[in-house]
Amino acid sequence: MAIGLAVFCLLAFGLARSALGGAPTAYETVTVQPGDTVWSIAAEHYPQSDTRVKVGEIEHDNSLSGPSLHPGQRLKLPSS
């Protein structure tokens, strides 16, 4: 009985989190071009959003530890 209750609670929590806007489910992949920065990519792909917020999301989602990008590097961008 306790196991069933635990499973139910976990499923209910997961569904509630999804309904309340959990993590994005889709990503767009972009390839870094010479001269690109996280800031320029965020500004180009999210023109209606606060670029500072999107830079943070991109850095977090791609486990970037610094601002350096390399041509050919692939980044995943949360779908807007």
Protein backbone atom coordinates (compact mmCIF):
# COMPACT_ATOMS: atom_id res chain seq x y z
CA MET A 1 0.00 0.00 0.00
CA ALA A 2 2.80 2.44 0.88
CA ILE A 3 4.54 1.72 -2.42
CA GLY A 4 1.35 2.39 -4.36
CA LEU A 5 0.85 5.67 -2.53
CA ALA A 6 4.45 6.70 -3.21
CA VAL A 7 4.09 5.91 -6.93
CA PHE A 8 0.82 7.87 -7.07
CA CYS A 9 2.42 10.89 -5.39
CA LEU A 10 5.40 10.86 -7.75
CA LEU A 11 3.15 10.65 -10.80
CA ALA A 12 0.86 13.39 -9.52
CA PHE A 13 3.83 15.64 -8.77
CA GLY A 14 5.26 15.08 -12.25
CA LEU A 15 1.95 15.87 -13.94
CA ALA A 16 1.45 18.98 -11.83
CA ARG A 17 4.95 20.19 -12.64
CA SER A 18 4.34 19.72 -16.36
CA ALA A 19 1.02 21.55 -16.19
CA LEU A 20 2.58 24.44 -14.28
CA GLY A 21 5.30 25.03 -16.85
CA GLY A 22 8.15 22.71 -15.98
CA ALA A 23 11.28 22.48 -18.08
CA PRO A 24 10.89 23.07 -21.83
CA THR A 25 10.25 19.87 -23.73
CA ALA A 26 11.68 20.91 -27.08
CA TYR A 27 15.00 22.36 -28.11
CA GLU A 28 16.37 23.86 -31.29
CA THR A 29 20.00 23.07 -32.09
CA VAL A 30 22.24 25.78 -33.53
CA THR A 31 25.82 25.58 -34.72
CA VAL A 32 28.12 28.35 -33.53
CA GLN A 33 29.55 30.48 -36.34
CA PRO A 34 32.76 32.55 -36.21
CA GLY A 35 32.14 35.68 -34.15
CA ASP A 36 29.05 34.30 -32.38
CA THR A 37 28.60 34.91 -28.67
CA VAL A 38 25.98 33.55 -26.31
CA TRP A 39 24.59 37.10 -26.19
CA SER A 40 24.34 37.43 -29.99
CA ILE A 41 22.69 34.02 -30.32
CA ALA A 42 20.18 34.82 -27.57
CA ALA A 43 19.38 38.23 -29.09
CA GLU A 44 18.90 36.74 -32.56
CA HIS A 45 16.73 33.79 -31.53
CA TYR A 46 14.66 35.53 -28.84
CA PRO A 47 14.13 39.14 -30.02
CA GLN A 48 11.04 39.64 -27.84
CA SER A 49 12.68 38.35 -24.63
CA ASP A 50 15.10 39.77 -22.10
CA THR A 51 18.46 38.79 -23.59
CA ARG A 52 20.04 38.53 -20.13
CA VAL A 53 17.54 35.87 -19.09
CA LYS A 54 17.99 33.89 -22.30
CA VAL A 55 21.79 34.03 -21.98
CA GLY A 56 21.45 32.44 -18.54
CA GLU A 57 19.12 29.74 -19.86
CA ILE A 58 21.43 28.91 -22.77
CA GLU A 59 24.47 28.75 -20.49
CA HIS A 60 22.60 26.54 -18.02
CA ASP A 61 21.06 24.19 -20.62
CA ASN A 62 24.44 23.68 -22.31
CA SER A 63 26.53 23.47 -19.12
CA LEU A 64 28.70 26.36 -20.26
CA SER A 65 31.24 27.39 -17.64
CA GLY A 66 32.33 30.58 -19.38
CA PRO A 67 31.57 32.87 -22.28
CA SER A 68 33.88 31.15 -24.78
CA LEU A 69 32.25 29.54 -27.80
CA HIS A 70 34.01 27.80 -30.66
CA PRO A 71 32.93 27.73 -34.33
CA GLY A 72 31.25 24.41 -35.03
CA GLN A 73 30.11 23.97 -31.43
CA ARG A 74 26.47 22.93 -31.20
CA LEU A 75 24.15 24.55 -28.67
CA LYS A 76 20.64 23.56 -27.73
CA LEU A 77 18.22 26.46 -27.38
CA PRO A 78 14.93 26.11 -25.52
CA SER A 79 11.99 26.51 -27.89
CA SER A 80 10.21 29.77 -27.29
